[in-house]
Protein backbone atom coordinates (compact mmCIF):
# COMPACT_ATOMS: atom_id res chain seq x y z
CA UNK A 1 129.68 75.63 99.82
CA UNK A 2 126.63 77.63 98.74
CA UNK A 3 126.42 80.48 96.32
CA UNK A 4 124.71 83.62 97.63
CA UNK A 5 121.90 84.80 95.34
CA UNK A 6 122.63 87.90 93.25
CA UNK A 7 119.03 88.54 92.20
CA UNK A 8 115.75 88.36 94.08
CA UNK A 9 112.21 88.13 92.68
CA UNK A 10 110.32 91.42 92.83
CA UNK A 11 107.82 90.37 95.52
CA UNK A 12 110.60 88.91 97.69
CA UNK A 13 112.39 92.27 97.47
CA UNK A 14 109.23 94.07 98.59
CA UNK A 15 108.83 91.64 101.50
CA UNK A 16 112.48 92.07 102.50
CA UNK A 17 112.03 95.85 102.82
CA UNK A 18 108.53 95.60 104.27
CA UNK A 19 107.01 97.67 101.47
CA UNK A 20 104.05 97.25 99.14
CA UNK A 21 104.60 96.53 95.43
CA UNK A 22 103.54 100.07 94.50
CA UNK A 23 106.39 101.52 96.58
CA UNK A 24 108.70 98.84 95.16
CA UNK A 25 107.95 100.04 91.62
CA UNK A 26 108.48 103.67 92.69
CA UNK A 27 111.95 102.85 94.04
CA UNK A 28 112.87 100.99 90.85
CA UNK A 29 111.53 103.76 88.59
CA UNK A 30 113.42 106.42 90.58
CA UNK A 31 116.68 104.47 90.25
CA UNK A 32 117.04 103.85 94.00
CA UNK A 33 116.82 100.09 93.37
CA UNK A 34 118.34 98.33 90.35
CA UNK A 35 116.43 95.59 88.56
CA UNK A 36 116.39 93.59 85.32
CA UNK A 37 113.94 91.45 83.40
CA UNK A 38 114.94 87.80 83.25
CA UNK A 39 112.65 85.80 80.98
CA UNK A 40 109.87 88.33 81.49
CA UNK A 41 110.23 88.21 85.28
CA UNK A 42 111.30 91.33 87.24
CA UNK A 43 114.37 90.53 89.32
CA UNK A 44 116.07 92.91 91.76
CA UNK A 45 119.80 93.02 92.51
CA UNK A 46 120.36 91.89 96.11
CA UNK A 47 123.26 94.32 96.60
CA UNK A 48 120.96 97.16 95.50
CA UNK A 49 118.46 96.14 98.20
CA UNK A 50 121.23 96.09 100.82
CA UNK A 51 122.58 99.48 99.69
CA UNK A 52 119.14 101.04 99.94
CA UNK A 53 118.60 99.60 103.43
CA UNK A 54 122.01 100.97 104.48
CA UNK A 55 121.01 104.42 103.20
CA UNK A 56 117.92 104.24 105.38
CA UNK A 57 120.07 103.39 108.38
CA UNK A 58 122.60 106.14 107.64
CA UNK A 59 121.83 109.48 109.28
CA UNK A 60 123.14 111.42 106.29
CA UNK A 61 120.35 109.92 104.15
CA UNK A 62 117.90 111.68 106.47
CA UNK A 63 119.59 115.03 105.92
CA UNK A 64 121.48 114.81 109.20
CA UNK A 65 118.27 114.38 111.19
CA UNK A 66 117.76 111.49 113.56
CA UNK A 67 114.82 109.17 112.91
CA UNK A 68 111.66 110.22 114.74
CA UNK A 69 110.22 107.92 117.38
CA UNK A 70 106.44 107.72 117.22
CA UNK A 71 104.17 107.67 120.24
CA UNK A 72 100.50 106.78 120.41
CA UNK A 73 98.05 109.60 120.89
CA UNK A 74 95.79 109.76 123.91
CA UNK A 75 92.72 107.59 123.38
CA UNK A 76 94.55 104.55 122.04
CA UNK A 77 96.03 106.21 118.98
CA UNK A 78 92.74 107.35 117.47
CA UNK A 79 92.85 110.46 115.33
CA UNK A 80 90.34 113.31 115.14
CA UNK A 81 88.69 111.76 112.06
CA UNK A 82 88.02 108.42 113.75
CA UNK A 83 84.23 107.78 113.63
CA UNK A 84 84.24 106.53 117.21
CA UNK A 85 85.49 109.96 118.35
CA UNK A 86 82.44 111.93 117.12
CA UNK A 87 79.76 113.41 119.36
CA UNK A 88 76.86 111.95 117.36
CA UNK A 89 73.81 111.39 119.54
């Protein structure tokens, strides 16, 4: 019988959501994600991570809009500022 973890280390939380630490700090500072310091180490509440992920899944979090599906642009997804797309001779 195992006990499910209640707290996750900061970097593990970022990995779980697929975000960079900068975004992780933004979510904590905005109050979207709850965290505490334990012995000088930033720990994130696992249920807070799950709640945030559920909000992302929930249509109402997106203001009633459905998530947008992205498609590659013609030319292999290169944008107009891609150096390989210039007409330099």
